[in-house]
Structures are given as structure tokens and as C-alpha cells.
C-alpha atoms as a PDB file:
ATOM      1  CA  UNK A   1     -41.451  13.314   7.702  1.00  0.00           C
ATOM      2  CA  UNK A   2     -39.032  16.077   8.731  1.00  0.00           C
ATOM      3  CA  UNK A   3     -35.900  17.799   7.584  1.00  0.00           C
ATOM      4  CA  UNK A   4     -33.760  15.669   9.941  1.00  0.00           C
ATOM      5  CA  UNK A   5     -34.729  12.593   7.917  1.00  0.00           C
ATOM      6  CA  UNK A   6     -33.577  14.291   4.705  1.00  0.00           C
ATOM      7  CA  UNK A   7     -30.298  15.306   6.281  1.00  0.00           C
ATOM      8  CA  UNK A   8     -29.769  11.761   7.565  1.00  0.00           C
ATOM      9  CA  UNK A   9     -30.466  10.436   4.048  1.00  0.00           C
ATOM     10  CA  UNK A  10     -27.884  12.900   2.708  1.00  0.00           C
ATOM     11  CA  UNK A  11     -25.326  11.476   5.127  1.00  0.00           C
ATOM     12  CA  UNK A  12     -26.094   7.897   4.004  1.00  0.00           C
ATOM     13  CA  UNK A  13     -26.020   8.864   0.311  1.00  0.00           C
ATOM     14  CA  UNK A  14     -22.800  10.853   0.465  1.00  0.00           C
ATOM     15  CA  UNK A  15     -20.108   9.238  -1.640  1.00  0.00           C
ATOM     16  CA  UNK A  16     -22.655   7.066  -3.425  1.00  0.00           C
ATOM     17  CA  UNK A  17     -24.910   9.455  -5.304  1.00  0.00           C
ATOM     18  CA  UNK A  18     -23.736  12.145  -7.678  1.00  0.00           C
ATOM     19  CA  UNK A  19     -24.134  15.806  -6.813  1.00  0.00           C
ATOM     20  CA  UNK A  20     -25.724  16.784 -10.123  1.00  0.00           C
ATOM     21  CA  UNK A  21     -25.047  20.124 -11.797  1.00  0.00           C
ATOM     22  CA  UNK A  22     -27.292  23.118 -12.368  1.00  0.00           C
ATOM     23  CA  UNK A  23     -27.059  23.825 -16.094  1.00  0.00           C
ATOM     24  CA  UNK A  24     -27.990  26.947 -18.048  1.00  0.00           C
ATOM     25  CA  UNK A  25     -27.903  28.233 -21.624  1.00  0.00           C
ATOM     26  CA  UNK A  26     -28.519  31.741 -22.924  1.00  0.00           C
ATOM     27  CA  UNK A  27     -30.499  30.263 -25.832  1.00  0.00           C
ATOM     28  CA  UNK A  28     -32.924  28.570 -23.407  1.00  0.00           C
ATOM     29  CA  UNK A  29     -33.155  31.825 -21.451  1.00  0.00           C
ATOM     30  CA  UNK A  30     -34.174  33.657 -24.621  1.00  0.00           C
ATOM     31  CA  UNK A  31     -36.956  31.154 -25.369  1.00  0.00           C
ATOM     32  CA  UNK A  32     -38.286  31.222 -21.727  1.00  0.00           C
ATOM     33  CA  UNK A  33     -37.967  34.992 -21.333  1.00  0.00           C
ATOM     34  CA  UNK A  34     -36.134  34.589 -18.029  1.00  0.00           C
ATOM     35  CA  UNK A  35     -33.094  32.879 -16.622  1.00  0.00           C
ATOM     36  CA  UNK A  36     -33.584  29.093 -16.584  1.00  0.00           C
ATOM     37  CA  UNK A  37     -31.484  26.787 -14.457  1.00  0.00           C
ATOM     38  CA  UNK A  38     -31.785  23.036 -15.013  1.00  0.00           C
ATOM     39  CA  UNK A  39     -31.035  20.731 -12.095  1.00  0.00           C
ATOM     40  CA  UNK A  40     -29.860  17.754 -14.152  1.00  0.00           C
ATOM     41  CA  UNK A  41     -30.765  14.531 -12.363  1.00  0.00           C
ATOM     42  CA  UNK A  42     -30.494  12.770 -15.729  1.00  0.00           C
ATOM     43  CA  UNK A  43     -26.792  12.686 -14.823  1.00  0.00           C
ATOM     44  CA  UNK A  44     -27.524  10.844 -11.531  1.00  0.00           C
ATOM     45  CA  UNK A  45     -26.618   7.223 -11.169  1.00  0.00           C
ATOM     46  CA  UNK A  46     -29.094   4.925 -13.010  1.00  0.00           C
ATOM     47  CA  UNK A  47     -30.018   8.010 -15.078  1.00  0.00           C
ATOM     48  CA  UNK A  48     -32.550   9.577 -12.682  1.00  0.00           C
ATOM     49  CA  UNK A  49     -33.181  11.007  -9.177  1.00  0.00           C
ATOM     50  CA  UNK A  50     -34.716   7.660  -8.208  1.00  0.00           C
ATOM     51  CA  UNK A  51     -31.300   6.387  -7.178  1.00  0.00           C
ATOM     52  CA  UNK A  52     -31.400   8.751  -4.240  1.00  0.00           C
ATOM     53  CA  UNK A  53     -34.653   7.311  -2.830  1.00  0.00           C
ATOM     54  CA  UNK A  54     -33.611   3.778  -3.598  1.00  0.00           C
ATOM     55  CA  UNK A  55     -30.326   4.123  -1.732  1.00  0.00           C
ATOM     56  CA  UNK A  56     -31.903   5.970   1.135  1.00  0.00           C
ATOM     57  CA  UNK A  57     -34.536   3.267   1.657  1.00  0.00           C
ATOM     58  CA  UNK A  58     -32.232   0.242   1.191  1.00  0.00           C
ATOM     59  CA  UNK A  59     -29.448   1.675   3.376  1.00  0.00           C
ATOM     60  CA  UNK A  60     -31.938   2.243   6.184  1.00  0.00           C
ATOM     61  CA  UNK A  61     -33.000  -1.387   6.305  1.00  0.00           C
ATOM     62  CA  UNK A  62     -31.971  -3.635   9.174  1.00  0.00           C
ATOM     63  CA  UNK A  63     -32.126  -7.398   8.723  1.00  0.00           C
ATOM     64  CA  UNK A  64     -34.236  -7.541   5.599  1.00  0.00           C
ATOM     65  CA  UNK A  65     -33.938 -10.683   3.498  1.00  0.00           C
ATOM     66  CA  UNK A  66     -34.526  -8.819   0.237  1.00  0.00           C
ATOM     67  CA  UNK A  67     -36.529  -6.018  -1.271  1.00  0.00           C
ATOM     68  CA  UNK A  68     -39.413  -5.680  -3.659  1.00  0.00           C
ATOM     69  CA  UNK A  69     -40.592  -2.590  -5.594  1.00  0.00           C
ATOM     70  CA  UNK A  70     -42.983  -1.671  -8.353  1.00  0.00           C
ATOM     71  CA  UNK A  71     -41.963   0.863 -11.009  1.00  0.00           C
ATOM     72  CA  UNK A  72     -42.158   1.763 -14.668  1.00  0.00           C
ATOM     73  CA  UNK A  73     -38.402   1.792 -14.692  1.00  0.00           C
ATOM     74  CA  UNK A  74     -36.526   4.583 -12.818  1.00  0.00           C
ATOM     75  CA  UNK A  75     -37.421   3.544  -9.244  1.00  0.00           C
ATOM     76  CA  UNK A  76     -36.784  -0.035 -10.426  1.00  0.00           C
ATOM     77  CA  UNK A  77     -33.199   0.779 -11.424  1.00  0.00           C
ATOM     78  CA  UNK A  78     -32.550   2.839  -8.304  1.00  0.00           C
ATOM     79  CA  UNK A  79     -33.670   0.080  -5.976  1.00  0.00           C
ATOM     80  CA  UNK A  80     -31.918  -2.614  -8.020  1.00  0.00           C
ATOM     81  CA  UNK A  81     -28.569  -0.839  -7.886  1.00  0.00           C
ATOM     82  CA  UNK A  82     -28.881  -0.056  -4.174  1.00  0.00           C
ATOM     83  CA  UNK A  83     -29.889  -3.625  -3.377  1.00  0.00           C
ATOM     84  CA  UNK A  84     -26.961  -5.104  -5.355  1.00  0.00           C
ATOM     85  CA  UNK A  85     -24.546  -2.820  -3.460  1.00  0.00           C
ATOM     86  CA  UNK A  86     -25.974  -4.044  -0.155  1.00  0.00           C
ATOM     87  CA  UNK A  87     -25.922  -7.681  -1.293  1.00  0.00           C
ATOM     88  CA  UNK A  88     -29.710  -8.007  -1.117  1.00  0.00           C
ATOM     89  CA  UNK A  89     -31.912  -9.792  -3.669  1.00  0.00           C
ATOM     90  CA  UNK A  90     -34.382  -7.484  -5.452  1.00  0.00           C
ATOM     91  CA  UNK A  91     -37.704  -8.256  -7.156  1.00  0.00           C
ATOM     92  CA  UNK A  92     -39.089  -5.468  -9.335  1.00  0.00           C
ATOM     93  CA  UNK A  93     -42.665  -5.463 -10.676  1.00  0.00           C
ATOM     94  CA  UNK A  94     -42.766  -3.529 -13.976  1.00  0.00           C
ATOM     95  CA  UNK A  95     -45.497  -2.830 -16.571  1.00  0.00           C
ATOM     96  CA  UNK A  96     -45.058  -4.826 -19.680  1.00  0.00           C
ATOM     97  CA  UNK A  97     -45.281  -1.660 -21.758  1.00  0.00           C
ATOM     98  CA  UNK A  98     -42.405   0.082 -19.941  1.00  0.00           C
ATOM     99  CA  UNK A  99     -39.567   1.318 -22.117  1.00  0.00           C
ATOM    100  CA  UNK A 100     -37.504  -1.648 -23.191  1.00  0.00           C
ATOM    101  CA  UNK A 101     -34.284   0.019 -22.005  1.00  0.00           C
ATOM    102  CA  UNK A 102     -35.627   0.398 -18.445  1.00  0.00           C
ATOM    103  CA  UNK A 103     -36.627  -3.290 -18.270  1.00  0.00           C
ATOM    104  CA  UNK A 104     -33.295  -4.414 -19.633  1.00  0.00           C
ATOM    105  CA  UNK A 105     -31.289  -2.123 -17.332  1.00  0.00           C
ATOM    106  CA  UNK A 106     -33.155  -3.329 -14.296  1.00  0.00           C
ATOM    107  CA  UNK A 107     -32.327  -6.934 -15.158  1.00  0.00           C
ATOM    108  CA  UNK A 108     -28.774  -6.014 -15.837  1.00  0.00           C
ATOM    109  CA  UNK A 109     -28.500  -4.592 -12.343  1.00  0.00           C
ATOM    110  CA  UNK A 110     -29.268  -8.017 -10.948  1.00  0.00           C
ATOM    111  CA  UNK A 111     -32.993  -7.705 -10.135  1.00  0.00           C
ATOM    112  CA  UNK A 112     -35.629 -10.267 -10.965  1.00  0.00           C
ATOM    113  CA  UNK A 113     -38.252  -8.471 -13.142  1.00  0.00           C
ATOM    114  CA  UNK A 114     -41.866  -9.459 -12.961  1.00  0.00           C
ATOM    115  CA  UNK A 115     -43.951  -7.944 -15.808  1.00  0.00           C
ATOM    116  CA  UNK A 116     -47.636  -7.125 -15.512  1.00  0.00           C
ATOM    117  CA  UNK A 117     -50.474  -5.575 -17.589  1.00  0.00           C
ATOM    118  CA  UNK A 118     -51.229  -2.187 -15.984  1.00  0.00           C
ATOM    119  CA  UNK A 119     -54.624  -2.043 -17.755  1.00  0.00           C
ATOM    120  CA  UNK A 120     -55.917  -5.266 -16.110  1.00  0.00           C
ATOM    121  CA  UNK A 121     -53.642  -6.085 -13.173  1.00  0.00           C
ATOM    122  CA  UNK A 122     -52.736  -4.325  -9.914  1.00  0.00           C
ATOM    123  CA  UNK A 123     -49.037  -3.929  -9.196  1.00  0.00           C
ATOM    124  CA  UNK A 124     -49.962  -3.386  -5.522  1.00  0.00           C
ATOM    125  CA  UNK A 125     -51.732  -6.773  -5.380  1.00  0.00           C
ATOM    126  CA  UNK A 126     -48.880  -8.551  -7.119  1.00  0.00           C
ATOM    127  CA  UNK A 127     -46.335  -6.893  -4.805  1.00  0.00           C
ATOM    128  CA  UNK A 128     -48.260  -7.752  -1.643  1.00  0.00           C
ATOM    129  CA  UNK A 129     -48.527 -11.351  -2.684  1.00  0.00           C
ATOM    130  CA  UNK A 130     -44.855 -11.721  -3.569  1.00  0.00           C
ATOM    131  CA  UNK A 131     -43.770  -9.834  -0.464  1.00  0.00           C
ATOM    132  CA  UNK A 132     -45.783 -12.141   1.824  1.00  0.00           C
ATOM    133  CA  UNK A 133     -44.625 -15.291  -0.065  1.00  0.00           C
ATOM    134  CA  UNK A 134     -40.903 -14.512  -0.034  1.00  0.00           C
ATOM    135  CA  UNK A 135     -40.538 -12.250   3.031  1.00  0.00           C
ATOM    136  CA  UNK A 136     -39.422  -9.236   1.022  1.00  0.00           C
ATOM    137  CA  UNK A 137     -39.425  -5.625   2.219  1.00  0.00           C
ATOM    138  CA  UNK A 138     -41.584  -3.407   0.042  1.00  0.00           C
ATOM    139  CA  UNK A 139     -40.060  -0.120  -1.078  1.00  0.00           C
ATOM    140  CA  UNK A 140     -42.828   1.993  -2.550  1.00  0.00           C
ATOM    141  CA  UNK A 141     -41.903   4.399  -5.399  1.00  0.00           C
ATOM    142  CA  UNK A 142     -43.027   7.571  -3.570  1.00  0.00           C
ATOM    143  CA  UNK A 143     -45.193   6.936  -0.527  1.00  0.00           C
ATOM    144  CA  UNK A 144     -42.323   5.768   1.710  1.00  0.00           C
ATOM    145  CA  UNK A 145     -40.626   8.041   4.347  1.00  0.00           C
ATOM    146  CA  UNK A 146     -37.106   6.923   3.463  1.00  0.00           C
ATOM    147  CA  UNK A 147     -37.717   7.292  -0.274  1.00  0.00           C
ATOM    148  CA  UNK A 148     -39.123  10.790   0.227  1.00  0.00           C
ATOM    149  CA  UNK A 149     -36.130  11.630   2.412  1.00  0.00           C
ATOM    150  CA  UNK A 150     -33.732  10.447  -0.275  1.00  0.00           C
ATOM    151  CA  UNK A 151     -35.446  12.473  -2.938  1.00  0.00           C
ATOM    152  CA  UNK A 152     -35.285  15.464  -0.653  1.00  0.00           C
ATOM    153  CA  UNK A 153     -31.505  15.470  -0.907  1.00  0.00           C
ATOM    154  CA  UNK A 154     -32.051  16.917  -4.392  1.00  0.00           C
ATOM    155  CA  UNK A 155     -33.620  19.904  -2.694  1.00  0.00           C
ATOM    156  CA  UNK A 156     -30.661  20.335  -0.324  1.00  0.00           C
ATOM    157  CA  UNK A 157     -28.356  20.575  -3.331  1.00  0.00           C
ATOM    158  CA  UNK A 158     -30.734  22.971  -5.169  1.00  0.00           C
ATOM    159  CA  UNK A 159     -30.726  25.258  -2.139  1.00  0.00           C
ATOM    160  CA  UNK A 160     -26.960  25.374  -1.997  1.00  0.00           C
ATOM    161  CA  UNK A 161     -26.502  25.766  -5.731  1.00  0.00           C
ATOM    162  CA  UNK A 162     -29.145  28.499  -5.928  1.00  0.00           C
ATOM    163  CA  UNK A 163     -27.412  30.435  -3.130  1.00  0.00           C
ATOM    164  CA  UNK A 164     -24.073  30.118  -4.954  1.00  0.00           C
ATOM    165  CA  UNK A 165     -25.737  31.606  -8.044  1.00  0.00           C
ATOM    166  CA  UNK A 166     -27.359  34.412  -6.063  1.00  0.00           C
ATOM    167  CA  UNK A 167     -30.936  33.150  -6.571  1.00  0.00           C
ATOM    168  CA  UNK A 168     -33.000  33.945  -3.513  1.00  0.00           C
ATOM    169  CA  UNK A 169     -36.525  33.968  -5.006  1.00  0.00           C
ATOM    170  CA  UNK A 170     -37.700  31.532  -7.667  1.00  0.00           C
ATOM    171  CA  UNK A 171     -40.136  28.769  -8.566  1.00  0.00           C
ATOM    172  CA  UNK A 172     -38.632  25.289  -8.600  1.00  0.00           C
ATOM    173  CA  UNK A 173     -40.506  23.270 -11.186  1.00  0.00           C
ATOM    174  CA  UNK A 174     -40.502  19.522 -10.405  1.00  0.00           C
ATOM    175  CA  UNK A 175     -41.496  16.595 -12.629  1.00  0.00           C
ATOM    176  CA  UNK A 176     -44.235  15.023 -10.576  1.00  0.00           C
ATOM    177  CA  UNK A 177     -45.928  11.612 -10.434  1.00  0.00           C
ATOM    178  CA  UNK A 178     -46.953  10.451  -6.964  1.00  0.00           C
ATOM    179  CA  UNK A 179     -45.066  13.321  -5.340  1.00  0.00           C
ATOM    180  CA  UNK A 180     -42.020  11.780  -3.733  1.00  0.00           C
ATOM    181  CA  UNK A 181     -39.535  14.107  -5.388  1.00  0.00           C
ATOM    182  CA  UNK A 182     -41.808  17.128  -5.183  1.00  0.00           C
ATOM    183  CA  UNK A 183     -42.572  16.713  -1.453  1.00  0.00           C
ATOM    184  CA  UNK A 184     -38.946  15.921  -0.604  1.00  0.00           C
ATOM    185  CA  UNK A 185     -37.671  19.000  -2.446  1.00  0.00           C
ATOM    186  CA  UNK A 186     -40.395  21.152  -0.902  1.00  0.00           C
ATOM    187  CA  UNK A 187     -39.349  20.176   2.627  1.00  0.00           C
ATOM    188  CA  UNK A 188     -35.667  20.778   1.920  1.00  0.00           C
ATOM    189  CA  UNK A 189     -36.404  24.206   0.436  1.00  0.00           C
ATOM    190  CA  UNK A 190     -38.550  25.142   3.382  1.00  0.00           C
ATOM    191  CA  UNK A 191     -35.560  24.561   5.657  1.00  0.00           C
ATOM    192  CA  UNK A 192     -32.646  25.757   3.566  1.00  0.00           C
ATOM    193  CA  UNK A 193     -34.114  28.165   0.924  1.00  0.00           C
ATOM    194  CA  UNK A 194     -37.489  29.518   1.929  1.00  0.00           C
ATOM    195  CA  UNK A 195     -37.528  31.968  -0.960  1.00  0.00           C
ATOM    196  CA  UNK A 196     -37.642  29.049  -3.406  1.00  0.00           C
ATOM    197  CA  UNK A 197     -41.072  27.449  -4.017  1.00  0.00           C
ATOM    198  CA  UNK A 198     -41.586  23.893  -5.300  1.00  0.00           C
ATOM    199  CA  UNK A 199     -44.312  23.512  -7.993  1.00  0.00           C
ATOM    200  CA  UNK A 200     -45.402  20.152  -9.487  1.00  0.00           C
ATOM    201  CA  UNK A 201     -45.485  19.709 -13.218  1.00  0.00           C
ATOM    202  CA  UNK A 202     -47.536  16.883 -14.797  1.00  0.00           C
ATOM    203  CA  UNK A 203     -48.898  15.655 -18.129  1.00  0.00           C
ATOM    204  CA  UNK A 204     -52.254  16.899 -19.340  1.00  0.00           C
ATOM    205  CA  UNK A 205     -54.985  14.433 -18.355  1.00  0.00           C
ATOM    206  CA  UNK A 206     -52.664  12.963 -15.642  1.00  0.00           C
ATOM    207  CA  UNK A 207     -52.555  16.068 -13.484  1.00  0.00           C
ATOM    208  CA  UNK A 208     -53.851  14.488 -10.278  1.00  0.00           C
ATOM    209  CA  UNK A 209     -51.477  16.466  -8.050  1.00  0.00           C
ATOM    210  CA  UNK A 210     -52.352  19.765  -9.716  1.00  0.00           C
ATOM    211  CA  UNK A 211     -56.124  19.102  -9.326  1.00  0.00           C
ATOM    212  CA  UNK A 212     -55.651  17.780  -5.782  1.00  0.00           C
ATOM    213  CA  UNK A 213     -53.804  20.902  -4.711  1.00  0.00           C
ATOM    214  CA  UNK A 214     -56.493  23.119  -6.186  1.00  0.00           C
ATOM    215  CA  UNK A 215     -59.279  21.099  -4.485  1.00  0.00           C
ATOM    216  CA  UNK A 216     -57.553  20.633  -1.153  1.00  0.00           C
ATOM    217  CA  UNK A 217     -58.137  16.916  -1.240  1.00  0.00           C
ATOM    218  CA  UNK A 218     -56.730  13.923  -3.121  1.00  0.00           C
ATOM    219  CA  UNK A 219     -58.140  13.524  -6.665  1.00  0.00           C
ATOM    220  CA  UNK A 220     -57.480  10.532  -8.949  1.00  0.00           C
ATOM    221  CA  UNK A 221     -56.831  10.247 -12.670  1.00  0.00           C
ATOM    222  CA  UNK A 222     -59.461   8.663 -14.783  1.00  0.00           C
ATOM    223  CA  UNK A 223     -57.035   6.406 -16.722  1.00  0.00           C
ATOM    224  CA  UNK A 224     -53.989   4.434 -15.661  1.00  0.00           C
ATOM    225  CA  UNK A 225     -52.018   5.138 -18.881  1.00  0.00           C
ATOM    226  CA  UNK A 226     -52.057   7.274 -22.042  1.00  0.00           C
ATOM    227  CA  UNK A 227     -49.106   9.702 -21.878  1.00  0.00           C
ATOM    228  CA  UNK A 228     -45.596   9.338 -23.234  1.00  0.00           C
ATOM    229  CA  UNK A 229     -44.457  10.510 -19.765  1.00  0.00           C
ATOM    230  CA  UNK A 230     -44.484   6.924 -18.452  1.00  0.00           C
ATOM    231  CA  UNK A 231     -42.214   7.746 -15.487  1.00  0.00           C
ATOM    232  CA  UNK A 232     -44.655  10.152 -13.930  1.00  0.00           C
ATOM    233  CA  UNK A 233     -48.081   8.635 -14.723  1.00  0.00           C
ATOM    234  CA  UNK A 234     -49.699   7.707 -11.431  1.00  0.00           C
ATOM    235  CA  UNK A 235     -53.278   7.191 -10.291  1.00  0.00           C
ATOM    236  CA  UNK A 236     -53.229   9.773  -7.519  1.00  0.00           C
ATOM    237  CA  UNK A 237     -50.945  11.545  -5.036  1.00  0.00           C
ATOM    238  CA  UNK A 238     -49.519   9.577  -2.102  1.00  0.00           C
ATOM    239  CA  UNK A 239     -51.093   9.664   1.343  1.00  0.00           C
ATOM    240  CA  UNK A 240     -47.742  10.745   2.693  1.00  0.00           C
ATOM    241  CA  UNK A 241     -46.759  13.102  -0.095  1.00  0.00           C
ATOM    242  CA  UNK A 242     -49.998  14.992  -0.551  1.00  0.00           C
ATOM    243  CA  UNK A 243     -50.159  16.702   2.851  1.00  0.00           C
ATOM    244  CA  UNK A 244     -46.608  17.874   2.458  1.00  0.00           C
ATOM    245  CA  UNK A 245     -47.252  19.266  -1.075  1.00  0.00           C
ATOM    246  CA  UNK A 246     -50.533  20.854   0.045  1.00  0.00           C
ATOM    247  CA  UNK A 247     -48.727  22.694   2.793  1.00  0.00           C
ATOM    248  CA  UNK A 248     -45.632  23.766   0.878  1.00  0.00           C
ATOM    249  CA  UNK A 249     -46.122  23.758  -2.901  1.00  0.00           C
ATOM    250  CA  UNK A 250     -47.379  26.388  -5.296  1.00  0.00           C
ATOM    251  CA  UNK A 251     -49.934  25.614  -7.964  1.00  0.00           C
ATOM    252  CA  UNK A 252     -49.275  22.783 -10.361  1.00  0.00           C
ATOM    253  CA  UNK A 253     -48.808  23.102 -14.124  1.00  0.00           C
ATOM    254  CA  UNK A 254     -50.185  20.626 -16.697  1.00  0.00           C
ATOM    255  CA  UNK A 255     -48.165  20.200 -19.862  1.00  0.00           C
ATOM    256  CA  UNK A 256     -49.095  18.411 -23.148  1.00  0.00           C
ATOM    257  CA  UNK A 257     -46.873  15.614 -24.480  1.00  0.00           C
ATOM    258  CA  UNK A 258     -45.731  17.579 -27.493  1.00  0.00           C
ATOM    259  CA  UNK A 259     -44.173  20.200 -25.252  1.00  0.00           C
ATOM    260  CA  UNK A 260     -42.140  17.521 -23.530  1.00  0.00           C
ATOM    261  CA  UNK A 261     -40.816  16.368 -26.916  1.00  0.00           C
ATOM    262  CA  UNK A 262     -39.898  20.003 -27.690  1.00  0.00           C
ATOM    263  CA  UNK A 263     -38.036  20.298 -24.377  1.00  0.00           C
ATOM    264  CA  UNK A 264     -36.163  17.038 -25.017  1.00  0.00           C
ATOM    265  CA  UNK A 265     -34.936  18.395 -28.389  1.00  0.00           C
ATOM    266  CA  UNK A 266     -33.862  21.720 -26.822  1.00  0.00           C
ATOM    267  CA  UNK A 267     -32.133  20.025 -23.905  1.00  0.00           C
ATOM    268  CA  UNK A 268     -30.088  18.017 -26.399  1.00  0.00           C
ATOM    269  CA  UNK A 269     -29.301  20.907 -28.740  1.00  0.00           C
ATOM    270  CA  UNK A 270     -28.558  23.560 -26.092  1.00  0.00           C
ATOM    271  CA  UNK A 271     -27.416  21.607 -23.026  1.00  0.00           C
ATOM    272  CA  UNK A 272     -26.201  18.408 -24.661  1.00  0.00           C
ATOM    273  CA  UNK A 273     -28.301  16.380 -22.189  1.00  0.00           C
ATOM    274  CA  UNK A 274     -30.555  13.426 -23.009  1.00  0.00           C
ATOM    275  CA  UNK A 275     -33.934  13.527 -21.240  1.00  0.00           C
ATOM    276  CA  UNK A 276     -36.911  11.224 -21.307  1.00  0.00           C
ATOM    277  CA  UNK A 277     -40.414  12.747 -21.708  1.00  0.00           C
ATOM    278  CA  UNK A 278     -41.330  12.685 -18.052  1.00  0.00           C
ATOM    279  CA  UNK A 279     -37.867  13.933 -17.121  1.00  0.00           C
ATOM    280  CA  UNK A 280     -38.229  16.922 -19.464  1.00  0.00           C
ATOM    281  CA  UNK A 281     -41.692  18.069 -18.391  1.00  0.00           C
ATOM    282  CA  UNK A 282     -40.516  20.629 -15.843  1.00  0.00           C
ATOM    283  CA  UNK A 283     -38.229  22.226 -18.456  1.00  0.00           C
ATOM    284  CA  UNK A 284     -41.157  22.079 -20.884  1.00  0.00           C
ATOM    285  CA  UNK A 285     -43.170  24.154 -18.392  1.00  0.00           C
ATOM    286  CA  UNK A 286     -40.455  26.725 -18.095  1.00  0.00           C
ATOM    287  CA  UNK A 287     -40.124  26.988 -21.894  1.00  0.00           C
ATOM    288  CA  UNK A 288     -43.701  26.661 -23.112  1.00  0.00           C
ATOM    289  CA  UNK A 289     -45.797  27.896 -20.172  1.00  0.00           C
ATOM    290  CA  UNK A 290     -43.871  30.953 -19.051  1.00  0.00           C
ATOM    291  CA  UNK A 291     -47.094  32.826 -18.418  1.00  0.00           C
ATOM    292  CA  UNK A 292     -47.771  30.575 -15.417  1.00  0.00           C
ATOM    293  CA  UNK A 293     -44.400  31.462 -13.782  1.00  0.00           C
ATOM    294  CA  UNK A 294     -43.377  34.667 -11.988  1.00  0.00           C
ATOM    295  CA  UNK A 295     -39.955  36.182 -11.419  1.00  0.00           C
ATOM    296  CA  UNK A 296     -36.816  36.672 -13.496  1.00  0.00           C
ATOM    297  CA  UNK A 297     -35.421  33.170 -12.778  1.00  0.00           C
ATOM    298  CA  UNK A 298     -36.831  29.671 -12.658  1.00  0.00           C
ATOM    299  CA  UNK A 299     -35.302  26.315 -11.670  1.00  0.00           C
ATOM    300  CA  UNK A 300     -36.432  23.229 -13.542  1.00  0.00           C
ATOM    301  CA  UNK A 301     -35.611  19.718 -12.283  1.00  0.00           C
ATOM    302  CA  UNK A 302     -34.717  17.444 -15.194  1.00  0.00           C
ATOM    303  CA  UNK A 303     -35.529  14.258 -13.345  1.00  0.00           C
ATOM    304  CA  UNK A 304     -34.401  11.515 -15.702  1.00  0.00           C
ATOM    305  CA  UNK A 305     -32.911  10.516 -19.048  1.00  0.00           C
ATOM    306  CA  UNK A 306     -33.808   6.870 -19.542  1.00  0.00           C
ATOM    307  CA  UNK A 307     -35.419   7.120 -22.943  1.00  0.00           C
ATOM    308  CA  UNK A 308     -35.691   4.491 -25.665  1.00  0.00           C
ATOM    309  CA  UNK A 309     -34.021   5.399 -28.964  1.00  0.00           C
ATOM    310  CA  UNK A 310     -37.278   5.610 -30.975  1.00  0.00           C
ATOM    311  CA  UNK A 311     -38.764   8.144 -28.570  1.00  0.00           C
ATOM    312  CA  UNK A 312     -35.614  10.237 -28.590  1.00  0.00           C
ATOM    313  CA  UNK A 313     -35.449  10.139 -32.357  1.00  0.00           C
ATOM    314  CA  UNK A 314     -39.068  11.247 -32.474  1.00  0.00           C
ATOM    315  CA  UNK A 315     -38.248  14.286 -30.327  1.00  0.00           C
ATOM    316  CA  UNK A 316     -35.342  15.279 -32.496  1.00  0.00           C
ATOM    317  CA  UNK A 317     -37.173  14.621 -35.762  1.00  0.00           C
ATOM    318  CA  UNK A 318     -40.349  16.537 -34.842  1.00  0.00           C
ATOM    319  CA  UNK A 319     -38.821  19.390 -32.841  1.00  0.00           C
ATOM    320  CA  UNK A 320     -35.035  19.443 -33.427  1.00  0.00           C
ATOM    321  CA  UNK A 321     -33.389  22.310 -35.270  1.00  0.00           C
END
């Protein structure tokens, strides 16, 4: 992995992905006690940053007969849309308990969806079998060079937008699962905005990256599920992503689910943006864990907004004004 791969991905993505805005609100600044800027990837195509990695990986293929991916929903939709645009069949392996909207959207984008029980079945084993049987190219959700490069284009945009806003020093809080977005952003910032530091944000009890960074080696989570932040619940950091994060990232932050619901409600009331729990967790860290952040400004990546109506209603009911 290197910055040239991220810049090449930016060239392939140009004209296909949205350049998402950096949003702010004085009301959110007051709550956080500092200036907060929200990089709103919920306004990306397919409703999350995952479109970037999906397009980057699919557009780099040469002669593939089709693609296969496993995902709880956001990577699924990104790969499905990219595959459809490139006239390639796509098979997506999704947990049966994934949000209904994510499953339906993936099917609507033309992909074949294969559901599995994440408590008893291995998506990796299912993917390997189907890939071998049908000759499909596997696009991993985070541990893939072209996916990391695509996610890194978010960091290129953050660097430019921060410079335009006069922000030279700040933590960049990133919603983190396996580390594809976090490592990609960290590499882009190293090259274009060295005063900005990427920091992973994860759910409490699913903070494998945070613990791995502290230990200097990969640590796994004890359970495969159990947080409302379905989009960022992973077993452990990736073999490709962890060394990058270990070299470039600041300490991780672990956030309880209720803070994510609170951030969802505030994003709606103050920014008029819909976020899913995992997509709101970086903003939740900025709002509810300000003591773990330094400086007078912070950038939070709002990574996705694909939330089912009952979960969104819960956030507004329990924490809305």
C-alpha cells in the first residue's frame, strides 16, 4: 500500500463518487466544547463510504467473470453498484440479521444475496466455496489493497477541505471495523495533511483495533455480534490494515451504543443528516468523549446512513429534543 495507489483510485473514482461535504453546527460545537467538522459520507452513493472501495476494486479488475463479497450491508451495496456499472455479476454474502433495508437495497442493485447465520457459519468459508465454484473474484470488505485505496480517497478530500477551512492540526475520528477506512485515511493524511491524525472509534466490547494498537499486536473480539453498530462489528483488524494503523494512527476510542443513538439524534436535529449507529460513532466520540481529544477542532467521519426505520425512530425517541 502507498499513496500512489490512493491517488490512482481517486482518478478512477472521479466522476463516479460524490465529493462529500464537511458539515458543522454551532450547537454541536457547544456540546463538544470545540469546533466539530463532520465529513458526511452518509451522502455518498449507496449511503456510505463503501462505494469508494467497491468502485476502486471493481474498476481495477481485468478479465474477471464476476465478483463476490461478504458484508453486513454497506460494502455489499458499494460492490453491487460498482459491479452493475461494469456489467459484472455480483454475489454478496450477508448475515441474516443484517438491517432489512441493506439486504433489500443490495438485491435492488442487481446482486445475488446469500444469507448466513453469523453465530454458526463462516462467511469466509462460504465465500471461498462460491468463489471456487463459480470463478468469482473476491473483494474483501477491508483487507484488500484496492479497497483500502478507494477508502483513502476520503482522506484526500478531508486534507483539502481542512486546508480550505484553515485546520492544520486536529484529530480525525474514524468509524472503524476492520480498518479499511481508517488505514486509507491515515495514509492520505500522512501525505497531504501531516498535522491531522487519524484515530479509530469502535463500539465498547468490539474495540479490537483500539486494543490491538495499545498492545502492538492484533487482538480479537470475544463475540461476533452484540452491538447495534452492525456495520463496524468485526472479529479483528485486517492483516493489511493493522500495520498501517499501528504506524500512523493515534489511540482508539471505545463508545457505548447509547452514545451512538444520541449522536444520531443530534445529527438529525442539528445537521439534518440521517446516520446509522456505526456511521455515527465517530461523531459520538467527539460529542460524548471530549476528554479523550485534544485541540480546539476535531473532524469526525460520518461513515454511513443506511439505518432501518425502527432503529432511527429509537434514536429520535430516546435522545431527540
